[in-house]
C-alpha atoms as a PDB file:
ATOM      1  CA  MET A   1      20.917 -55.655  -2.950  1.00  0.00           C
ATOM      2  CA  SER A   2      17.513 -54.578  -3.867  1.00  0.00           C
ATOM      3  CA  ALA A   3      17.005 -52.970  -7.621  1.00  0.00           C
ATOM      4  CA  VAL A   4      15.184 -50.260  -5.779  1.00  0.00           C
ATOM      5  CA  TYR A   5      18.878 -48.777  -4.320  1.00  0.00           C
ATOM      6  CA  GLY A   6      20.043 -48.838  -7.836  1.00  0.00           C
ATOM      7  CA  VAL A   7      16.855 -47.090  -9.574  1.00  0.00           C
ATOM      8  CA  ILE A   8      17.552 -44.430  -6.292  1.00  0.00           C
ATOM      9  CA  ARG A   9      21.395 -44.350  -6.967  1.00  0.00           C
ATOM     10  CA  LYS A  10      20.819 -43.551 -10.567  1.00  0.00           C
ATOM     11  CA  LEU A  11      18.568 -40.493  -9.586  1.00  0.00           C
ATOM     12  CA  GLY A  12      21.492 -39.201  -7.697  1.00  0.00           C
ATOM     13  CA  ALA A  13      20.682 -39.949  -4.363  1.00  0.00           C
ATOM     14  CA  THR A  14      23.612 -41.297  -1.894  1.00  0.00           C
ATOM     15  CA  SER A  15      23.058 -43.312   1.131  1.00  0.00           C
ATOM     16  CA  LYS A  16      24.938 -39.890   3.542  1.00  0.00           C
ATOM     17  CA  TYR A  17      21.129 -39.180   3.862  1.00  0.00           C
ATOM     18  CA  LYS A  18      18.930 -41.005   6.089  1.00  0.00           C
ATOM     19  CA  GLY A  19      15.896 -40.634   3.731  1.00  0.00           C
ATOM     20  CA  TYR A  20      17.888 -42.514   1.148  1.00  0.00           C
ATOM     21  CA  TYR A  21      17.122 -45.931   3.181  1.00  0.00           C
ATOM     22  CA  TYR A  22      13.657 -44.842   4.244  1.00  0.00           C
ATOM     23  CA  VAL A  23      12.879 -44.036   0.897  1.00  0.00           C
ATOM     24  CA  VAL A  24      13.910 -47.622  -0.177  1.00  0.00           C
ATOM     25  CA  ASP A  25      11.832 -49.102   2.372  1.00  0.00           C
ATOM     26  CA  ALA A  26       8.776 -47.109   0.997  1.00  0.00           C
ATOM     27  CA  VAL A  27       9.205 -47.930  -2.693  1.00  0.00           C
ATOM     28  CA  GLU A  28       9.606 -51.822  -1.550  1.00  0.00           C
ATOM     29  CA  MET A  29       6.243 -51.767   0.959  1.00  0.00           C
ATOM     30  CA  ALA A  30       4.539 -50.004  -1.785  1.00  0.00           C
ATOM     31  CA  GLN A  31       5.304 -52.659  -4.314  1.00  0.00           C
ATOM     32  CA  LYS A  32       3.767 -55.297  -1.764  1.00  0.00           C
ATOM     33  CA  ILE A  33       0.957 -53.437  -1.000  1.00  0.00           C
ATOM     34  CA  TYR A  34      -1.003 -53.556  -4.633  1.00  0.00           C
ATOM     35  CA  GLU A  35      -4.470 -54.894  -3.707  1.00  0.00           C
ATOM     36  CA  ARG A  36      -5.402 -51.311  -2.439  1.00  0.00           C
ATOM     37  CA  PRO A  37      -4.420 -47.608  -2.759  1.00  0.00           C
ATOM     38  CA  VAL A  38      -1.400 -46.827  -0.621  1.00  0.00           C
ATOM     39  CA  LYS A  39      -1.656 -43.557   2.007  1.00  0.00           C
ATOM     40  CA  VAL A  40       2.222 -42.289   2.247  1.00  0.00           C
ATOM     41  CA  THR A  41       1.108 -41.417   5.930  1.00  0.00           C
ATOM     42  CA  LYS A  42      -0.769 -43.932   7.302  1.00  0.00           C
ATOM     43  CA  ASP A  43       0.485 -47.144   5.742  1.00  0.00           C
ATOM     44  CA  ILE A  44       3.878 -46.228   5.234  1.00  0.00           C
ATOM     45  CA  TYR A  45       5.817 -43.488   7.526  1.00  0.00           C
ATOM     46  CA  PRO A  46       4.573 -45.065  10.112  1.00  0.00           C
ATOM     47  CA  VAL A  47       5.950 -48.705   9.408  1.00  0.00           C
ATOM     48  CA  ILE A  48       9.074 -47.116   8.515  1.00  0.00           C
ATOM     49  CA  SER A  49       9.756 -45.432  11.761  1.00  0.00           C
ATOM     50  CA  LYS A  50       8.545 -48.463  13.722  1.00  0.00           C
ATOM     51  CA  LYS A  51      11.548 -50.365  11.812  1.00  0.00           C
ATOM     52  CA  ASN A  52      14.237 -47.716  11.957  1.00  0.00           C
ATOM     53  CA  ASN A  53      13.350 -47.574  16.311  1.00  0.00           C
ATOM     54  CA  LYS A  54      11.935 -44.146  15.709  1.00  0.00           C
ATOM     55  CA  TYR A  55       8.882 -45.039  18.197  1.00  0.00           C
ATOM     56  CA  ASN A  56       6.220 -44.062  16.069  1.00  0.00           C
ATOM     57  CA  ASP A  57       7.981 -40.394  15.329  1.00  0.00           C
ATOM     58  CA  ARG A  58       6.806 -40.520  11.596  1.00  0.00           C
ATOM     59  CA  LEU A  59       7.200 -36.423  11.074  1.00  0.00           C
ATOM     60  CA  ILE A  60      11.243 -37.519  11.306  1.00  0.00           C
ATOM     61  CA  VAL A  61      11.084 -40.180   8.507  1.00  0.00           C
ATOM     62  CA  GLU A  62       8.544 -37.767   6.457  1.00  0.00           C
ATOM     63  CA  HIS A  63      11.250 -34.877   6.857  1.00  0.00           C
ATOM     64  CA  ASN A  64      14.056 -37.377   5.926  1.00  0.00           C
ATOM     65  CA  ILE A  65      12.706 -38.298   3.081  1.00  0.00           C
ATOM     66  CA  ARG A  66      11.629 -35.050   1.972  1.00  0.00           C
ATOM     67  CA  THR A  67      14.986 -33.739   3.031  1.00  0.00           C
ATOM     68  CA  LEU A  68      16.896 -36.433   0.247  1.00  0.00           C
ATOM     69  CA  VAL A  69      14.004 -35.322  -2.525  1.00  0.00           C
ATOM     70  CA  THR A  70      14.756 -31.612  -1.674  1.00  0.00           C
ATOM     71  CA  TYR A  71      18.372 -32.127  -2.608  1.00  0.00           C
ATOM     72  CA  VAL A  72      18.366 -34.881  -5.512  1.00  0.00           C
ATOM     73  CA  GLY A  73      15.447 -33.446  -7.208  1.00  0.00           C
END
């Protein structure tokens, strides 16, 4: 299990939100892209949407991440 899962759990997030897994993927991707600034809407959302078979609908990914942040934060 990734260390990111543990940190997100400590913040109060649970896996009942779809955004939970998207946030984990986003954090892991951002950790790998360290040579340049990360553009979330252009670098992360499209990749996560393709990975989760959302067919380039990054708005769904963004909505689910924002939902998680809203209810946990």
